[in-house]
């Protein structure tokens, strides 16, 4: 039956005799078979018996079977087929319920799958499924590891902004290093397309009274400020309808700040939030209330109440000066000094604060006078930048609309030494963590340690591939790639006792079992003979950080079979990400990266699943994937 269907589909293409590699690739595409061209070239060459660059219909059928007839899928099919030829509808129902954990199941789902994926018409009409149809279903998006119920906005979006992790970029205009690289609009466009919701704009005085965007005191190229915000306006809400925050690193003179204010108003119009929303004069609004809005994050003169009193007044030419304490950034000395112990619990907040200062090191400040254009200042509503001094100071004096930016070095020390105080701080105030100045190569830190204490805006260099950006992209797959992910309840509760460095005795751990079955057309290495291995790694609170590695399958990137099982006990699954990495073993130069996929642990489907692989730059490598079986209990 399947042979008859196959011949019917391909015979017309062989009317002229043998076909070339190019025609074979087109025929595979006609048959809805995704394949890697390099793999097909090797298979074509191996099956071209006369070595003439042309193959017969029988040779093409052999190639088709090599690509599509995977033993692991045949084994599953035969387990549920009564005659090893056909799945009855009831057999498919049994498979879906027993293996795929389709709990909210009704019989029509099986019928829909047959109608959608069965290519042989008489089999489809009989409400049955051939192996050809079953294989197509197993290779479809319905069997991906990521549960599609999380690929749309499903979380409650009416909490205040502080209750969300917000996808954030650092020095968004750069597409290379921090010293010599070009500034480019593509930095903003690509970040927005990925769902980024907080963009950084470094603003400096330019010629002809036109502010420019670049990394000051470096050799990076310059962009006009107005051009940057025009690009942002065009792409701001293509990937997500939730608010975009423009974090201004403002070094402009008052006159050019006024130009910035005029450009923001002219470009964004009503989308620019320049007033408080009804019912949100003394508390932060939600992403839902701020849909399709642009928020300016910058220094601000005075209070929100004073800004509202000036509403409608012409603020051009009005400048205020204030003295700001500017912290002199102190980096780690790299001396390998012993990690300081976490600060103990104190009844007296002041006593704890004093001990924390001694352990972290008292920041060095210098006085600096800053002139702010009132026209620009009045555009800052819910995201005023306030210098972080201490948790105690913030608790006493910081206002609801004031946010902090903390360098990674200081933030890391605070995370390790006063995690609970940090969590209580991020519960009330938006906190942005940014890379240290020494990262001239635009490298990134591990964002997980700052998500663990509830930091909303963990800003990364989006242009730099690697594990940190894999974690960033994986985390924000959740909630429909909207750029906003609701923090777990224990990071939002004012009575929280959560500490990522201390596992709670009453925690509800998740036991996760991954059976790594096989690889599917992994990115080919030298002569298609990669020695393939897979690493499965958990990122989360320190106790959950772990990884396991498969054995090496020699000289096979096309269809390696592992059949290995890994088990993880995850104490805080709400914060955990899982990363799959395929590599080619290299004994001298180190392993070669082939592809990876990262996602939140709680967004995984159970059952037989396909793990799509992505390149270092985050591009899809379809059809390259891993085939696994997932099971977990809690």
Foldseek 3Di string as FASTA:
>chain_A
DVVVVVCVLCVVVCPVHWDALVVLVVSCVVVVHWADSVVLVLLLCVLQVVNPRTDGPVSSVVSVCVAQVDPVLLVLQVVQDPVSFKHALVSVVCCCVPFQVPPVDDSVVSLVLLVVQAPDVVCNVNRMHGSNSSSRSQLDPPFAFFFCVFQAFDDDQWDFLLQWAFAAADLQQFQWFQAAGEGHLVSLQVCQQLQHQEYEFEWEQDPPLFIWTGRPPGNYDIDTLLVNVLSCLVRNPPQAQFHHEYEYNYPYDLSSLLVNLVSVCVRLPPQQDLADDPPPQAAGGTRVVNGSHYAYAEAAPDDNVVLVVCPPPDQPPPKDKDKDWDWDDDADPPPPDDQDAAQDDDPDPVVSFVVLCVRLPQTDTDIDMDMHRNSNNSSHHQRYEDEDHTLVCCVVDNGQSYAYEDEPRSVVSCLRHPLQSLLLSSLRHAYEYEYDPVRRRQDFDACQSVVQSSHRHDHGHLSAFDDNNLQSSAECSGSSSNSIDRRPPLSNDNPHPDRLADQDPPFDKKKKKKFFFKKAQFPADVVSWFFKKKKKFKDHRPVQTDIDIFHTHTGHNHIGTGRDMDIGIGRCLSSMKMKMWMWGQDPPPGIHTGFMHMHRPVSTGAGWHWHFTADSSGHTPPPTTTIMGMDMDD
